[in-house]
Amino acid sequence: MKKFLLGRSRAVLPAWKGFLRLLKEDSIKVQLFIGVCVSIAGFIVGLTQTEFLIQTLAIAMVLGAESFNTAIEEVADFIHPTFHTKIGLIKDIAAGAVFMVCIFAILIGLIIYLPYLI
């Protein structure tokens, strides 16, 4: 059991390092700010527990997609530091995935908040 716990604690350190690195990204900062604002709005309008859970999952999906996009961009820049059309396409697709998740998060937000606003 000790060996298992020690192994898990060692696995958390690189994850923590990556998390702190992500917090330096402007895109993550913007998404976190929006997530905090929407969460505060949820408390103000009195979202139900289910609505708040769905909202939190939508925020997590956006942050996860943005994190994967950042990782893909870092790998692409490492593999090919100068501009290359294929690397550009890969980055565009990764950014498009984030955009798609954001669109669905906005739709979820509208479905949740419109009844409170009208």
PDB file of N, CA and C in Angstrom:
ATOM      1  N   MET A   1       0.827  -1.200   0.000  1.00  0.00           N
ATOM      2  CA  MET A   1       0.000   0.000   0.000  1.00  0.00           C
ATOM      3  C   MET A   1       0.865   1.255   0.000  1.00  0.00           C
ATOM      4  N   LYS A   2       1.967   1.235   0.791  1.00  0.00           N
ATOM      5  CA  LYS A   2       2.860   2.392   0.827  1.00  0.00           C
ATOM      6  C   LYS A   2       3.459   2.658  -0.549  1.00  0.00           C
ATOM      7  N   LYS A   3       3.871   1.565  -1.209  1.00  0.00           N
ATOM      8  CA  LYS A   3       4.472   1.707  -2.536  1.00  0.00           C
ATOM      9  C   LYS A   3       3.459   2.301  -3.520  1.00  0.00           C
ATOM     10  N   PHE A   4       2.217   1.847  -3.419  1.00  0.00           N
ATOM     11  CA  PHE A   4       1.168   2.364  -4.289  1.00  0.00           C
ATOM     12  C   PHE A   4       0.964   3.862  -4.064  1.00  0.00           C
ATOM     13  N   LEU A   5       0.863   4.269  -2.803  1.00  0.00           N
ATOM     14  CA  LEU A   5       0.647   5.681  -2.485  1.00  0.00           C
ATOM     15  C   LEU A   5       1.836   6.538  -2.903  1.00  0.00           C
ATOM     16  N   LEU A   6       3.044   6.022  -2.716  1.00  0.00           N
ATOM     17  CA  LEU A   6       4.240   6.753  -3.130  1.00  0.00           C
ATOM     18  C   LEU A   6       4.251   6.937  -4.647  1.00  0.00           C
ATOM     19  N   GLY A   7       3.877   5.874  -5.361  1.00  0.00           N
ATOM     20  CA  GLY A   7       3.810   5.963  -6.825  1.00  0.00           C
ATOM     21  C   GLY A   7       2.785   6.981  -7.280  1.00  0.00           C
ATOM     22  N   ARG A   8       1.640   7.023  -6.610  1.00  0.00           N
ATOM     23  CA  ARG A   8       0.591   7.995  -6.959  1.00  0.00           C
ATOM     24  C   ARG A   8       1.061   9.413  -6.673  1.00  0.00           C
ATOM     25  N   SER A   9       1.751   9.616  -5.554  1.00  0.00           N
ATOM     26  CA  SER A   9       2.223  10.965  -5.229  1.00  0.00           C
ATOM     27  C   SER A   9       3.254  11.430  -6.246  1.00  0.00           C
ATOM     28  N   ARG A  10       4.077  10.514  -6.722  1.00  0.00           N
ATOM     29  CA  ARG A  10       5.056  10.880  -7.760  1.00  0.00           C
ATOM     30  C   ARG A  10       4.367  11.204  -9.078  1.00  0.00           C
ATOM     31  N   ALA A  11       3.249  10.565  -9.344  1.00  0.00           N
ATOM     32  CA  ALA A  11       2.517  10.821 -10.582  1.00  0.00           C
ATOM     33  C   ALA A  11       1.808  12.174 -10.536  1.00  0.00           C
ATOM     34  N   VAL A  12       1.482  12.640  -9.343  1.00  0.00           N
ATOM     35  CA  VAL A  12       0.764  13.903  -9.213  1.00  0.00           C
ATOM     36  C   VAL A  12       1.682  15.094  -9.491  1.00  0.00           C
ATOM     37  N   LEU A  13       2.949  14.967  -9.186  1.00  0.00           N
ATOM     38  CA  LEU A  13       3.872  16.099  -9.349  1.00  0.00           C
ATOM     39  C   LEU A  13       3.974  16.596 -10.786  1.00  0.00           C
ATOM     40  N   PRO A  14       4.152  15.722 -11.780  1.00  0.00           N
ATOM     41  CA  PRO A  14       4.166  16.233 -13.161  1.00  0.00           C
ATOM     42  C   PRO A  14       2.818  16.828 -13.579  1.00  0.00           C
ATOM     43  N   ALA A  15       1.732  16.248 -13.078  1.00  0.00           N
ATOM     44  CA  ALA A  15       0.405  16.789 -13.398  1.00  0.00           C
ATOM     45  C   ALA A  15       0.257  18.184 -12.804  1.00  0.00           C
ATOM     46  N   TRP A  16       0.725  18.363 -11.583  1.00  0.00           N
ATOM     47  CA  TRP A  16       0.665  19.675 -10.932  1.00  0.00           C
ATOM     48  C   TRP A  16       1.509  20.685 -11.709  1.00  0.00           C
ATOM     49  N   LYS A  17       2.688  20.254 -12.150  1.00  0.00           N
ATOM     50  CA  LYS A  17       3.574  21.119 -12.930  1.00  0.00           C
ATOM     51  C   LYS A  17       2.892  21.534 -14.242  1.00  0.00           C
ATOM     52  N   GLY A  18       2.233  20.582 -14.900  1.00  0.00           N
ATOM     53  CA  GLY A  18       1.514  20.897 -16.133  1.00  0.00           C
ATOM     54  C   GLY A  18       0.344  21.834 -15.887  1.00  0.00           C
ATOM     55  N   PHE A  19      -0.364  21.620 -14.778  1.00  0.00           N
ATOM     56  CA  PHE A  19      -1.484  22.484 -14.414  1.00  0.00           C
ATOM     57  C   PHE A  19      -1.005  23.921 -14.213  1.00  0.00           C
ATOM     58  N   LEU A  20       0.095  24.085 -13.476  1.00  0.00           N
ATOM     59  CA  LEU A  20       0.634  25.427 -13.241  1.00  0.00           C
ATOM     60  C   LEU A  20       1.085  26.067 -14.550  1.00  0.00           C
ATOM     61  N   ARG A  21       1.629  25.264 -15.451  1.00  0.00           N
ATOM     62  CA  ARG A  21       2.046  25.777 -16.765  1.00  0.00           C
ATOM     63  C   ARG A  21       0.836  26.242 -17.569  1.00  0.00           C
ATOM     64  N   LEU A  22      -0.247  25.481 -17.485  1.00  0.00           N
ATOM     65  CA  LEU A  22      -1.467  25.868 -18.204  1.00  0.00           C
ATOM     66  C   LEU A  22      -2.019  27.196 -17.700  1.00  0.00           C
ATOM     67  N   LEU A  23      -1.881  27.450 -16.416  1.00  0.00           N
ATOM     68  CA  LEU A  23      -2.399  28.689 -15.849  1.00  0.00           C
ATOM     69  C   LEU A  23      -1.680  29.923 -16.375  1.00  0.00           C
ATOM     70  N   LYS A  24      -0.547  29.739 -17.041  1.00  0.00           N
ATOM     71  CA  LYS A  24       0.176  30.853 -17.645  1.00  0.00           C
ATOM     72  C   LYS A  24      -0.360  31.203 -19.037  1.00  0.00           C
ATOM     73  N   GLU A  25      -1.162  30.310 -19.598  1.00  0.00           N
ATOM     74  CA  GLU A  25      -1.708  30.517 -20.945  1.00  0.00           C
ATOM     75  C   GLU A  25      -2.850  31.524 -20.908  1.00  0.00           C
ATOM     76  N   ASP A  26      -2.809  32.504 -21.802  1.00  0.00           N
ATOM     77  CA  ASP A  26      -3.869  33.522 -21.854  1.00  0.00           C
ATOM     78  C   ASP A  26      -5.237  32.895 -22.130  1.00  0.00           C
ATOM     79  N   SER A  27      -5.268  31.917 -23.023  1.00  0.00           N
ATOM     80  CA  SER A  27      -6.556  31.301 -23.363  1.00  0.00           C
ATOM     81  C   SER A  27      -7.166  30.602 -22.153  1.00  0.00           C
ATOM     82  N   ILE A  28      -6.351  29.958 -21.351  1.00  0.00           N
ATOM     83  CA  ILE A  28      -6.844  29.296 -20.136  1.00  0.00           C
ATOM     84  C   ILE A  28      -7.319  30.342 -19.133  1.00  0.00           C
ATOM     85  N   LYS A  29      -6.561  31.437 -19.005  1.00  0.00           N
ATOM     86  CA  LYS A  29      -6.971  32.513 -18.085  1.00  0.00           C
ATOM     87  C   LYS A  29      -8.335  33.067 -18.472  1.00  0.00           C
ATOM     88  N   VAL A  30      -8.545  33.281 -19.765  1.00  0.00           N
ATOM     89  CA  VAL A  30      -9.828  33.815 -20.239  1.00  0.00           C
ATOM     90  C   VAL A  30     -10.953  32.825 -19.941  1.00  0.00           C
ATOM     91  N   GLN A  31     -10.724  31.544 -20.258  1.00  0.00           N
ATOM     92  CA  GLN A  31     -11.758  30.535 -20.028  1.00  0.00           C
ATOM     93  C   GLN A  31     -12.057  30.374 -18.541  1.00  0.00           C
ATOM     94  N   LEU A  32     -11.025  30.425 -17.697  1.00  0.00           N
ATOM     95  CA  LEU A  32     -11.241  30.348 -16.247  1.00  0.00           C
ATOM     96  C   LEU A  32     -12.051  31.545 -15.749  1.00  0.00           C
ATOM     97  N   PHE A  33     -11.717  32.721 -16.249  1.00  0.00           N
ATOM     98  CA  PHE A  33     -12.440  33.930 -15.855  1.00  0.00           C
ATOM     99  C   PHE A  33     -13.919  33.813 -16.229  1.00  0.00           C
ATOM    100  N   ILE A  34     -14.185  33.372 -17.457  1.00  0.00           N
ATOM    101  CA  ILE A  34     -15.570  33.193 -17.898  1.00  0.00           C
ATOM    102  C   ILE A  34     -16.262  32.145 -17.031  1.00  0.00           C
ATOM    103  N   GLY A  35     -15.566  31.054 -16.738  1.00  0.00           N
ATOM    104  CA  GLY A  35     -16.137  30.001 -15.899  1.00  0.00           C
ATOM    105  C   GLY A  35     -16.492  30.496 -14.507  1.00  0.00           C
ATOM    106  N   VAL A  36     -15.609  31.300 -13.914  1.00  0.00           N
ATOM    107  CA  VAL A  36     -15.881  31.858 -12.586  1.00  0.00           C
ATOM    108  C   VAL A  36     -17.070  32.814 -12.650  1.00  0.00           C
ATOM    109  N   CYS A  37     -17.108  33.675 -13.666  1.00  0.00           N
ATOM    110  CA  CYS A  37     -18.229  34.627 -13.812  1.00  0.00           C
ATOM    111  C   CYS A  37     -19.555  33.904 -13.967  1.00  0.00           C
ATOM    112  N   VAL A  38     -19.583  32.871 -14.801  1.00  0.00           N
ATOM    113  CA  VAL A  38     -20.812  32.118 -15.028  1.00  0.00           C
ATOM    114  C   VAL A  38     -21.214  31.373 -13.745  1.00  0.00           C
ATOM    115  N   SER A  39     -20.240  30.875 -13.011  1.00  0.00           N
ATOM    116  CA  SER A  39     -20.548  30.195 -11.748  1.00  0.00           C
ATOM    117  C   SER A  39     -21.139  31.160 -10.728  1.00  0.00           C
ATOM    118  N   ILE A  40     -20.585  32.352 -10.655  1.00  0.00           N
ATOM    119  CA  ILE A  40     -21.143  33.380  -9.762  1.00  0.00           C
ATOM    120  C   ILE A  40     -22.572  33.720 -10.186  1.00  0.00           C
ATOM    121  N   ALA A  41     -22.777  33.842 -11.499  1.00  0.00           N
ATOM    122  CA  ALA A  41     -24.126  34.112 -12.000  1.00  0.00           C
ATOM    123  C   ALA A  41     -25.078  32.983 -11.615  1.00  0.00           C
ATOM    124  N   GLY A  42     -24.587  31.762 -11.616  1.00  0.00           N
ATOM    125  CA  GLY A  42     -25.407  30.619 -11.218  1.00  0.00           C
ATOM    126  C   GLY A  42     -25.879  30.724  -9.780  1.00  0.00           C
ATOM    127  N   PHE A  43     -24.985  31.186  -8.905  1.00  0.00           N
ATOM    128  CA  PHE A  43     -25.377  31.392  -7.507  1.00  0.00           C
ATOM    129  C   PHE A  43     -26.396  32.526  -7.392  1.00  0.00           C
ATOM    130  N   ILE A  44     -26.204  33.569  -8.176  1.00  0.00           N
ATOM    131  CA  ILE A  44     -27.091  34.737  -8.107  1.00  0.00           C
ATOM    132  C   ILE A  44     -28.512  34.379  -8.544  1.00  0.00           C
ATOM    133  N   VAL A  45     -28.631  33.647  -9.673  1.00  0.00           N
ATOM    134  CA  VAL A  45     -29.978  33.317 -10.161  1.00  0.00           C
ATOM    135  C   VAL A  45     -30.573  32.106  -9.458  1.00  0.00           C
ATOM    136  N   GLY A  46     -29.775  31.395  -8.694  1.00  0.00           N
ATOM    137  CA  GLY A  46     -30.274  30.238  -7.952  1.00  0.00           C
ATOM    138  C   GLY A  46     -30.464  28.994  -8.794  1.00  0.00           C
ATOM    139  N   LEU A  47     -29.432  28.634  -9.540  1.00  0.00           N
ATOM    140  CA  LEU A  47     -29.516  27.414 -10.339  1.00  0.00           C
ATOM    141  C   LEU A  47     -29.796  26.211  -9.442  1.00  0.00           C
ATOM    142  N   THR A  48     -30.482  25.243 -10.012  1.00  0.00           N
ATOM    143  CA  THR A  48     -30.693  23.993  -9.287  1.00  0.00           C
ATOM    144  C   THR A  48     -29.367  23.235  -9.238  1.00  0.00           C
ATOM    145  N   GLN A  49     -29.314  22.225  -8.404  1.00  0.00           N
ATOM    146  CA  GLN A  49     -28.096  21.430  -8.299  1.00  0.00           C
ATOM    147  C   GLN A  49     -27.750  20.786  -9.642  1.00  0.00           C
ATOM    148  N   THR A  50     -28.755  20.294 -10.337  1.00  0.00           N
ATOM    149  CA  THR A  50     -28.533  19.660 -11.640  1.00  0.00           C
ATOM    150  C   THR A  50     -28.034  20.670 -12.663  1.00  0.00           C
ATOM    151  N   GLU A  51     -28.645  21.846 -12.698  1.00  0.00           N
ATOM    152  CA  GLU A  51     -28.202  22.882 -13.628  1.00  0.00           C
ATOM    153  C   GLU A  51     -26.766  23.293 -13.345  1.00  0.00           C
ATOM    154  N   PHE A  52     -26.440  23.437 -12.069  1.00  0.00           N
ATOM    155  CA  PHE A  52     -25.080  23.830 -11.707  1.00  0.00           C
ATOM    156  C   PHE A  52     -24.081  22.739 -12.087  1.00  0.00           C
ATOM    157  N   LEU A  53     -24.470  21.489 -11.908  1.00  0.00           N
ATOM    158  CA  LEU A  53     -23.602  20.377 -12.291  1.00  0.00           C
ATOM    159  C   LEU A  53     -23.357  20.373 -13.793  1.00  0.00           C
ATOM    160  N   ILE A  54     -24.415  20.551 -14.574  1.00  0.00           N
ATOM    161  CA  ILE A  54     -24.263  20.572 -16.032  1.00  0.00           C
ATOM    162  C   ILE A  54     -23.397  21.750 -16.464  1.00  0.00           C
ATOM    163  N   GLN A  55     -23.619  22.898 -15.838  1.00  0.00           N
ATOM    164  CA  GLN A  55     -22.791  24.072 -16.138  1.00  0.00           C
ATOM    165  C   GLN A  55     -21.322  23.793 -15.814  1.00  0.00           C
ATOM    166  N   THR A  56     -21.065  23.181 -14.681  1.00  0.00           N
ATOM    167  CA  THR A  56     -19.693  22.866 -14.280  1.00  0.00           C
ATOM    168  C   THR A  56     -19.041  21.887 -15.258  1.00  0.00           C
ATOM    169  N   LEU A  57     -19.810  20.909 -15.716  1.00  0.00           N
ATOM    170  CA  LEU A  57     -19.282  19.972 -16.714  1.00  0.00           C
ATOM    171  C   LEU A  57     -18.955  20.678 -18.028  1.00  0.00           C
ATOM    172  N   ALA A  58     -19.798  21.623 -18.428  1.00  0.00           N
ATOM    173  CA  ALA A  58     -19.542  22.386 -19.658  1.00  0.00           C
ATOM    174  C   ALA A  58     -18.258  23.208 -19.509  1.00  0.00           C
ATOM    175  N   ILE A  59     -18.081  23.835 -18.351  1.00  0.00           N
ATOM    176  CA  ILE A  59     -16.855  24.610 -18.094  1.00  0.00           C
ATOM    177  C   ILE A  59     -15.639  23.688 -18.144  1.00  0.00           C
ATOM    178  N   ALA A  60     -15.763  22.523 -17.512  1.00  0.00           N
ATOM    179  CA  ALA A  60     -14.650  21.563 -17.502  1.00  0.00           C
ATOM    180  C   ALA A  60     -14.315  21.082 -18.909  1.00  0.00           C
ATOM    181  N   MET A  61     -15.338  20.881 -19.736  1.00  0.00           N
ATOM    182  CA  MET A  61     -15.096  20.450 -21.119  1.00  0.00           C
ATOM    183  C   MET A  61     -14.328  21.511 -21.896  1.00  0.00           C
ATOM    184  N   VAL A  62     -14.697  22.766 -21.723  1.00  0.00           N
ATOM    185  CA  VAL A  62     -13.998  23.860 -22.413  1.00  0.00           C
ATOM    186  C   VAL A  62     -12.544  23.917 -21.942  1.00  0.00           C
ATOM    187  N   LEU A  63     -12.334  23.867 -20.632  1.00  0.00           N
ATOM    188  CA  LEU A  63     -10.967  23.936 -20.099  1.00  0.00           C
ATOM    189  C   LEU A  63     -10.139  22.727 -20.543  1.00  0.00           C
ATOM    190  N   GLY A  64     -10.756  21.558 -20.572  1.00  0.00           N
ATOM    191  CA  GLY A  64     -10.052  20.362 -21.048  1.00  0.00           C
ATOM    192  C   GLY A  64      -9.674  20.475 -22.512  1.00  0.00           C
ATOM    193  N   ALA A  65     -10.622  20.924 -23.335  1.00  0.00           N
ATOM    194  CA  ALA A  65     -10.341  21.089 -24.765  1.00  0.00           C
ATOM    195  C   ALA A  65      -9.239  22.115 -24.979  1.00  0.00           C
ATOM    196  N   GLU A  66      -9.295  23.210 -24.240  1.00  0.00           N
ATOM    197  CA  GLU A  66      -8.266  24.252 -24.351  1.00  0.00           C
ATOM    198  C   GLU A  66      -6.903  23.711 -23.919  1.00  0.00           C
ATOM    199  N   SER A  67      -6.893  22.877 -22.908  1.00  0.00           N
ATOM    200  CA  SER A  67      -5.641  22.273 -22.428  1.00  0.00           C
ATOM    201  C   SER A  67      -5.049  21.332 -23.475  1.00  0.00           C
ATOM    202  N   PHE A  68      -5.902  20.488 -24.073  1.00  0.00           N
ATOM    203  CA  PHE A  68      -5.416  19.601 -25.127  1.00  0.00           C
ATOM    204  C   PHE A  68      -4.915  20.402 -26.321  1.00  0.00           C
ATOM    205  N   ASN A  69      -5.604  21.473 -26.674  1.00  0.00           N
ATOM    206  CA  ASN A  69      -5.175  22.335 -27.770  1.00  0.00           C
ATOM    207  C   ASN A  69      -3.780  22.906 -27.486  1.00  0.00           C
ATOM    208  N   THR A  70      -3.573  23.351 -26.257  1.00  0.00           N
ATOM    209  CA  THR A  70      -2.261  23.889 -25.880  1.00  0.00           C
ATOM    210  C   THR A  70      -1.181  22.821 -26.017  1.00  0.00           C
ATOM    211  N   ALA A  71      -1.480  21.599 -25.569  1.00  0.00           N
ATOM    212  CA  ALA A  71      -0.508  20.510 -25.677  1.00  0.00           C
ATOM    213  C   ALA A  71      -0.193  20.193 -27.141  1.00  0.00           C
ATOM    214  N   ILE A  72      -1.222  20.164 -27.975  1.00  0.00           N
ATOM    215  CA  ILE A  72      -1.020  19.887 -29.401  1.00  0.00           C
ATOM    216  C   ILE A  72      -0.164  20.976 -30.040  1.00  0.00           C
ATOM    217  N   GLU A  73      -0.435  22.230 -29.693  1.00  0.00           N
ATOM    218  CA  GLU A  73       0.367  23.331 -30.235  1.00  0.00           C
ATOM    219  C   GLU A  73       1.823  23.230 -29.786  1.00  0.00           C
ATOM    220  N   GLU A  74       2.047  22.876 -28.534  1.00  0.00           N
ATOM    221  CA  GLU A  74       3.420  22.726 -28.029  1.00  0.00           C
ATOM    222  C   GLU A  74       4.161  21.607 -28.769  1.00  0.00           C
ATOM    223  N   VAL A  75       3.500  20.478 -28.971  1.00  0.00           N
ATOM    224  CA  VAL A  75       4.121  19.363 -29.692  1.00  0.00           C
ATOM    225  C   VAL A  75       4.408  19.773 -31.136  1.00  0.00           C
ATOM    226  N   ALA A  76       3.451  20.421 -31.767  1.00  0.00           N
ATOM    227  CA  ALA A  76       3.622  20.844 -33.160  1.00  0.00           C
ATOM    228  C   ALA A  76       4.791  21.823 -33.296  1.00  0.00           C
ATOM    229  N   ASP A  77       4.890  22.769 -32.375  1.00  0.00           N
ATOM    230  CA  ASP A  77       5.996  23.732 -32.414  1.00  0.00           C
ATOM    231  C   ASP A  77       7.332  23.057 -32.153  1.00  0.00           C
ATOM    232  N   PHE A  78       7.343  22.040 -31.319  1.00  0.00           N
ATOM    233  CA  PHE A  78       8.580  21.304 -31.035  1.00  0.00           C
ATOM    234  C   PHE A  78       9.022  20.511 -32.262  1.00  0.00           C
ATOM    235  N   ILE A  79       8.073  19.863 -32.915  1.00  0.00           N
ATOM    236  CA  ILE A  79       8.395  19.035 -34.082  1.00  0.00           C
ATOM    237  C   ILE A  79       8.841  19.880 -35.255  1.00  0.00           C
ATOM    238  N   HIS A  80       8.154  21.006 -35.454  1.00  0.00           N
ATOM    239  CA  HIS A  80       8.456  21.849 -36.613  1.00  0.00           C
ATOM    240  C   HIS A  80       8.372  23.311 -36.192  1.00  0.00           C
ATOM    241  N   PRO A  81       9.477  23.885 -35.671  1.00  0.00           N
ATOM    242  CA  PRO A  81       9.454  25.248 -35.133  1.00  0.00           C
ATOM    243  C   PRO A  81       9.128  26.331 -36.166  1.00  0.00           C
ATOM    244  N   THR A  82       9.467  26.097 -37.409  1.00  0.00           N
ATOM    245  CA  THR A  82       9.140  27.088 -38.438  1.00  0.00           C
ATOM    246  C   THR A  82       7.782  26.748 -39.044  1.00  0.00           C
ATOM    247  N   PHE A  83       7.216  27.712 -39.776  1.00  0.00           N
ATOM    248  CA  PHE A  83       5.888  27.486 -40.345  1.00  0.00           C
ATOM    249  C   PHE A  83       5.916  26.332 -41.338  1.00  0.00           C
ATOM    250  N   HIS A  84       4.880  25.511 -41.233  1.00  0.00           N
ATOM    251  CA  HIS A  84       4.671  24.425 -42.184  1.00  0.00           C
ATOM    252  C   HIS A  84       3.163  24.286 -42.364  1.00  0.00           C
ATOM    253  N   THR A  85       2.713  24.131 -43.599  1.00  0.00           N
ATOM    254  CA  THR A  85       1.266  24.107 -43.855  1.00  0.00           C
ATOM    255  C   THR A  85       0.570  22.961 -43.122  1.00  0.00           C
ATOM    256  N   LYS A  86       1.204  21.801 -43.030  1.00  0.00           N
ATOM    257  CA  LYS A  86       0.581  20.662 -42.347  1.00  0.00           C
ATOM    258  C   LYS A  86       0.477  20.936 -40.847  1.00  0.00           C
ATOM    259  N   ILE A  87       1.507  21.527 -40.250  1.00  0.00           N
ATOM    260  CA  ILE A  87       1.467  21.889 -38.824  1.00  0.00           C
ATOM    261  C   ILE A  87       0.375  22.935 -38.611  1.00  0.00           C
ATOM    262  N   GLY A  88       0.271  23.877 -39.531  1.00  0.00           N
ATOM    263  CA  GLY A  88      -0.783  24.882 -39.440  1.00  0.00           C
ATOM    264  C   GLY A  88      -2.170  24.249 -39.474  1.00  0.00           C
ATOM    265  N   LEU A  89      -2.351  23.260 -40.335  1.00  0.00           N
ATOM    266  CA  LEU A  89      -3.630  22.551 -40.426  1.00  0.00           C
ATOM    267  C   LEU A  89      -3.931  21.819 -39.117  1.00  0.00           C
ATOM    268  N   ILE A  90      -2.925  21.158 -38.556  1.00  0.00           N
ATOM    269  CA  ILE A  90      -3.101  20.444 -37.283  1.00  0.00           C
ATOM    270  C   ILE A  90      -3.519  21.413 -36.189  1.00  0.00           C
ATOM    271  N   LYS A  91      -2.862  22.561 -36.118  1.00  0.00           N
ATOM    272  CA  LYS A  91      -3.212  23.570 -35.113  1.00  0.00           C
ATOM    273  C   LYS A  91      -4.623  24.112 -35.339  1.00  0.00           C
ATOM    274  N   ASP A  92      -4.985  24.324 -36.603  1.00  0.00           N
ATOM    275  CA  ASP A  92      -6.323  24.816 -36.916  1.00  0.00           C
ATOM    276  C   ASP A  92      -7.392  23.813 -36.486  1.00  0.00           C
ATOM    277  N   ILE A  93      -7.147  22.534 -36.728  1.00  0.00           N
ATOM    278  CA  ILE A  93      -8.107  21.500 -36.336  1.00  0.00           C
ATOM    279  C   ILE A  93      -8.247  21.458 -34.816  1.00  0.00           C
ATOM    280  N   ALA A  94      -7.125  21.542 -34.099  1.00  0.00           N
ATOM    281  CA  ALA A  94      -7.175  21.544 -32.633  1.00  0.00           C
ATOM    282  C   ALA A  94      -7.947  22.759 -32.120  1.00  0.00           C
ATOM    283  N   ALA A  95      -7.696  23.926 -32.719  1.00  0.00           N
ATOM    284  CA  ALA A  95      -8.424  25.136 -32.329  1.00  0.00           C
ATOM    285  C   ALA A  95      -9.900  25.011 -32.695  1.00  0.00           C
ATOM    286  N   GLY A  96     -10.193  24.379 -33.809  1.00  0.00           N
ATOM    287  CA  GLY A  96     -11.585  24.148 -34.208  1.00  0.00           C
ATOM    288  C   GLY A  96     -12.327  23.267 -33.218  1.00  0.00           C
ATOM    289  N   ALA A  97     -11.625  22.291 -32.661  1.00  0.00           N
ATOM    290  CA  ALA A  97     -12.236  21.428 -31.643  1.00  0.00           C
ATOM    291  C   ALA A  97     -12.606  22.241 -30.406  1.00  0.00           C
ATOM    292  N   VAL A  98     -11.726  23.147 -30.003  1.00  0.00           N
ATOM    293  CA  VAL A  98     -12.025  24.030 -28.866  1.00  0.00           C
ATOM    294  C   VAL A  98     -13.232  24.889 -29.195  1.00  0.00           C
ATOM    295  N   PHE A  99     -13.260  25.431 -30.387  1.00  0.00           N
ATOM    296  CA  PHE A  99     -14.377  26.276 -30.820  1.00  0.00           C
ATOM    297  C   PHE A  99     -15.698  25.508 -30.756  1.00  0.00           C
ATOM    298  N   MET A 100     -15.679  24.261 -31.231  1.00  0.00           N
ATOM    299  CA  MET A 100     -16.880  23.438 -31.222  1.00  0.00           C
ATOM    300  C   MET A 100     -17.369  23.203 -29.784  1.00  0.00           C
ATOM    301  N   VAL A 101     -16.455  22.886 -28.883  1.00  0.00           N
ATOM    302  CA  VAL A 101     -16.820  22.678 -27.483  1.00  0.00           C
ATOM    303  C   VAL A 101     -17.385  23.968 -26.891  1.00  0.00           C
ATOM    304  N   CYS A 102     -16.779  25.102 -27.230  1.00  0.00           N
ATOM    305  CA  CYS A 102     -17.265  26.393 -26.728  1.00  0.00           C
ATOM    306  C   CYS A 102     -18.676  26.693 -27.228  1.00  0.00           C
ATOM    307  N   ILE A 103     -18.960  26.387 -28.478  1.00  0.00           N
ATOM    308  CA  ILE A 103     -20.299  26.605 -29.028  1.00  0.00           C
ATOM    309  C   ILE A 103     -21.327  25.788 -28.243  1.00  0.00           C
ATOM    310  N   PHE A 104     -21.007  24.520 -27.977  1.00  0.00           N
ATOM    311  CA  PHE A 104     -21.933  23.687 -27.215  1.00  0.00           C
ATOM    312  C   PHE A 104     -22.069  24.170 -25.774  1.00  0.00           C
ATOM    313  N   ALA A 105     -20.983  24.669 -25.195  1.00  0.00           N
ATOM    314  CA  ALA A 105     -21.053  25.219 -23.835  1.00  0.00           C
ATOM    315  C   ALA A 105     -21.956  26.452 -23.806  1.00  0.00           C
ATOM    316  N   ILE A 106     -21.863  27.270 -24.837  1.00  0.00           N
ATOM    317  CA  ILE A 106     -22.739  28.447 -24.923  1.00  0.00           C
ATOM    318  C   ILE A 106     -24.197  28.010 -25.055  1.00  0.00           C
ATOM    319  N   LEU A 107     -24.461  27.004 -25.881  1.00  0.00           N
ATOM    320  CA  LEU A 107     -25.823  26.487 -26.022  1.00  0.00           C
ATOM    321  C   LEU A 107     -26.346  25.956 -24.686  1.00  0.00           C
ATOM    322  N   ILE A 108     -25.506  25.228 -23.961  1.00  0.00           N
ATOM    323  CA  ILE A 108     -25.893  24.729 -22.638  1.00  0.00           C
ATOM    324  C   ILE A 108     -26.211  25.905 -21.722  1.00  0.00           C
ATOM    325  N   GLY A 109     -25.363  26.934 -21.758  1.00  0.00           N
ATOM    326  CA  GLY A 109     -25.601  28.117 -20.941  1.00  0.00           C
ATOM    327  C   GLY A 109     -26.913  28.791 -21.281  1.00  0.00           C
ATOM    328  N   LEU A 110     -27.209  28.899 -22.567  1.00  0.00           N
ATOM    329  CA  LEU A 110     -28.482  29.513 -22.983  1.00  0.00           C
ATOM    330  C   LEU A 110     -29.675  28.688 -22.510  1.00  0.00           C
ATOM    331  N   ILE A 111     -29.579  27.385 -22.654  1.00  0.00           N
ATOM    332  CA  ILE A 111     -30.667  26.508 -22.214  1.00  0.00           C
ATOM    333  C   ILE A 111     -30.893  26.647 -20.707  1.00  0.00           C
ATOM    334  N   ILE A 112     -29.812  26.766 -19.959  1.00  0.00           N
ATOM    335  CA  ILE A 112     -29.926  26.886 -18.503  1.00  0.00           C
ATOM    336  C   ILE A 112     -30.420  28.267 -18.089  1.00  0.00           C
ATOM    337  N   TYR A 113     -29.854  29.334 -18.663  1.00  0.00           N
ATOM    338  CA  TYR A 113     -30.099  30.683 -18.150  1.00  0.00           C
ATOM    339  C   TYR A 113     -31.313  31.394 -18.750  1.00  0.00           C
ATOM    340  N   LEU A 114     -31.693  31.084 -19.971  1.00  0.00           N
ATOM    341  CA  LEU A 114     -32.820  31.798 -20.591  1.00  0.00           C
ATOM    342  C   LEU A 114     -34.098  31.734 -19.750  1.00  0.00           C
ATOM    343  N   PRO A 115     -34.465  30.591 -19.193  1.00  0.00           N
ATOM    344  CA  PRO A 115     -35.681  30.579 -18.364  1.00  0.00           C
ATOM    345  C   PRO A 115     -35.600  31.521 -17.149  1.00  0.00           C
ATOM    346  N   TYR A 116     -34.414  31.770 -16.643  1.00  0.00           N
ATOM    347  CA  TYR A 116     -34.247  32.676 -15.509  1.00  0.00           C
ATOM    348  C   TYR A 116     -34.297  34.139 -15.942  1.00  0.00           C
ATOM    349  N   LEU A 117     -34.029  34.392 -17.219  1.00  0.00           N
ATOM    350  CA  LEU A 117     -33.930  35.768 -17.694  1.00  0.00           C
ATOM    351  C   LEU A 117     -35.196  36.259 -18.367  1.00  0.00           C
ATOM    352  N   ILE A 118     -36.076  35.335 -18.762  1.00  0.00           N
ATOM    353  CA  ILE A 118     -37.318  35.776 -19.429  1.00  0.00           C
ATOM    354  C   ILE A 118     -38.534  35.466 -18.580  1.00  0.00           C
TER     355      ILE A 118
END
